[in-house]
Every structure is written in C-alpha cells, then in structure tokens.
Amino acid sequence: MKLQEKLKYLRTESGLTQHQLAKKLGVGQTTVAAYENGTHEPQLYSLIAYADFFGCSLDYLTGRTDDAGMFCAETYAPPKDEQKLLAVYRSLSADLKKLVYDTANVYAHSPLNRTEKEEKSEP
C-alpha cells in the first residue's frame, strides 16, 4: 500500500473526514486531500504528526515495514462507539482531558462498574 493509500485508510478507519483530521493536525483540508491523492508528499514533521495521531510507526507509514508498530487502525480498529469517544476526548483542552480521565478512573473502580460475572459470583 502506498503512503497516500495508508493515510486515507487510517483516516477513514478512524471515522474522520478530511476536514476533521485537518483540524486535529492543524493543517488545511486541502493539505490532507493533497497527501491522500498523491499530489503532494508530506514533510517529515507532517508524517510524525500522522504517526503520533494514529499511533503507528513512521516505518509503517512510509512502507519500510508492514508492522504497524504501536496501535494502528489496520491492526486494531476500536468499536465505533470508542472511536467516537476518542474523537471527542481529543478535542478537549488539557484541563478537561484530565477531568475526564479522573472521572472515568473513579467510575472504573466504583461498585457501579461491576460486570454480570462478578455479580453472579457473590453469595
């Protein structure tokens, strides 16, 4: 798969439009479109931004390996509800991200978060 195809694949698998991805990466929509249709090659800093955003390696993006390295949509696509939640989370300020994280952590350890299996095993 060519670089332009990987960039488009990762974006579409993440459920993002070109405009949404451009906003998250701090570039114009026409820049994302140019990368995806192959009319422009991304600079190194742009490739790093893509790799960081999608959680995959530069070697994977540039075709030096088929191993995505870290998390990558091609090797693990979270369910759509998780993708939507992640997209909302990524749009938050650092302070709000901390608040969301702290709140989720409280609920993760709450009795309200018990699974059916845990409830059935109690006397």
Protein backbone atom coordinates (compact mmCIF):
# COMPACT_ATOMS: atom_id res chain seq x y z
CA MET A 1 0.00 0.00 0.00
CA LYS A 2 1.36 3.41 -0.97
CA LEU A 3 1.78 6.23 1.55
CA GLN A 4 -1.22 8.12 0.17
CA GLU A 5 -3.39 5.00 0.46
CA LYS A 6 -2.26 4.38 4.04
CA LEU A 7 -3.04 7.94 5.06
CA LYS A 8 -6.54 7.72 3.60
CA TYR A 9 -7.10 4.25 5.05
CA LEU A 10 -6.11 5.31 8.55
CA ARG A 11 -8.35 8.38 8.37
CA THR A 12 -11.40 6.53 7.08
CA GLU A 13 -10.95 3.65 9.53
CA SER A 14 -10.91 6.21 12.32
CA GLY A 15 -14.21 7.58 11.09
CA LEU A 16 -12.82 11.03 10.31
CA THR A 17 -13.47 13.32 7.36
CA GLN A 18 -10.57 15.12 5.73
CA HIS A 19 -11.77 18.33 7.35
CA GLN A 20 -11.90 16.76 10.84
CA LEU A 21 -8.43 15.26 10.52
CA ALA A 22 -7.01 18.50 9.16
CA LYS A 23 -8.39 20.38 12.15
CA LYS A 24 -6.88 17.88 14.58
CA LEU A 25 -3.49 18.02 12.84
CA GLY A 26 -3.56 21.80 12.49
CA VAL A 27 -3.42 21.84 8.70
CA GLY A 28 -5.88 22.71 5.94
CA GLN A 29 -8.31 20.22 4.45
CA THR A 30 -6.70 20.76 1.06
CA THR A 31 -3.37 19.63 2.54
CA VAL A 32 -4.90 16.34 3.76
CA ALA A 33 -6.56 15.89 0.35
CA ALA A 34 -3.25 16.55 -1.45
CA TYR A 35 -1.47 13.94 0.69
CA GLU A 36 -4.23 11.40 0.09
CA ASN A 37 -4.41 11.89 -3.67
CA GLY A 38 -0.62 11.96 -4.01
CA THR A 39 -0.24 15.45 -5.46
CA HIS A 40 1.99 16.47 -2.52
CA GLU A 41 4.37 14.45 -0.35
CA PRO A 42 4.16 15.24 3.37
CA GLN A 43 7.20 16.73 5.07
CA LEU A 44 8.80 14.79 7.93
CA TYR A 45 7.02 16.85 10.60
CA SER A 46 3.67 16.05 8.92
CA LEU A 47 4.49 12.33 8.84
CA ILE A 48 5.39 12.48 12.53
CA ALA A 49 2.06 14.19 13.27
CA TYR A 50 0.21 11.43 11.38
CA ALA A 51 2.17 8.67 13.13
CA ASP A 52 1.55 10.22 16.55
CA PHE A 53 -2.12 10.79 15.85
CA PHE A 54 -2.77 7.27 14.56
CA GLY A 55 -0.28 5.62 16.91
CA CYS A 56 1.75 3.84 14.26
CA SER A 57 5.40 3.96 13.25
CA LEU A 58 6.98 6.15 10.58
CA ASP A 59 8.40 3.00 9.01
CA TYR A 60 4.88 1.66 8.63
CA LEU A 61 3.59 4.89 7.08
CA THR A 62 6.46 5.09 4.60
CA GLY A 63 6.32 1.42 3.59
CA ARG A 64 9.59 0.33 5.18
CA THR A 65 7.68 -2.30 7.16
CA ASP A 66 4.25 -3.88 7.21
CA ASP A 67 4.44 -3.97 11.01
CA ALA A 68 2.43 -1.01 12.26
CA GLY A 69 4.46 -0.90 15.48
CA MET A 70 2.20 0.59 18.10
CA PHE A 71 -1.58 0.84 17.86
CA CYS A 72 -2.71 1.27 14.30
CA ALA A 73 -6.18 1.13 12.79
CA GLU A 74 -5.06 -1.60 10.40
CA THR A 75 -4.14 -3.99 13.21
CA TYR A 76 -6.81 -2.95 15.73
CA ALA A 77 -9.84 -0.89 14.95
CA PRO A 78 -11.72 0.02 18.14
CA PRO A 79 -15.51 -0.26 18.03
CA LYS A 80 -17.27 2.77 16.55
CA ASP A 81 -18.52 3.97 19.97
CA GLU A 82 -14.93 4.00 21.27
CA GLN A 83 -13.76 5.84 18.14
CA LYS A 84 -16.44 8.50 18.71
CA LEU A 85 -15.46 8.84 22.37
CA LEU A 86 -11.80 9.13 21.45
CA ALA A 87 -12.57 11.80 18.85
CA VAL A 88 -14.47 13.84 21.45
CA TYR A 89 -11.69 13.33 24.03
CA ARG A 90 -9.04 14.51 21.56
CA SER A 91 -10.99 17.71 21.00
CA LEU A 92 -10.85 18.66 24.71
CA SER A 93 -8.39 21.01 26.37
CA ALA A 94 -5.68 19.51 28.59
CA ASP A 95 -7.60 20.51 31.73
CA LEU A 96 -10.81 18.88 30.52
CA LYS A 97 -8.92 15.74 29.45
CA LYS A 98 -7.56 15.43 33.00
CA LEU A 99 -11.06 15.88 34.42
CA VAL A 100 -12.50 13.23 32.10
CA TYR A 101 -9.65 10.84 32.91
CA ASP A 102 -10.04 11.33 36.66
CA THR A 103 -13.81 10.88 36.46
CA ALA A 104 -13.50 7.72 34.33
CA ASN A 105 -10.93 6.34 36.77
CA VAL A 106 -13.33 6.86 39.68
CA TYR A 107 -16.11 5.04 37.82
CA ALA A 108 -13.74 2.23 36.79
CA HIS A 109 -13.20 1.41 40.46
CA SER A 110 -16.81 2.01 41.51
CA PRO A 111 -19.25 -0.72 42.57
CA LEU A 112 -21.44 0.63 39.76
CA ASN A 113 -18.93 -0.82 37.29
CA ARG A 114 -19.38 -4.44 38.27
CA THR A 115 -19.78 -7.00 35.50
CA GLU A 116 -22.55 -9.62 35.39
CA LYS A 117 -19.97 -12.32 36.15
CA GLU A 118 -18.85 -10.51 39.32
CA GLU A 119 -22.47 -10.04 40.43
CA LYS A 120 -23.33 -13.73 39.93
CA SER A 121 -20.30 -14.92 41.91
CA GLU A 122 -21.38 -13.09 45.07
CA PRO A 123 -23.37 -15.02 47.69
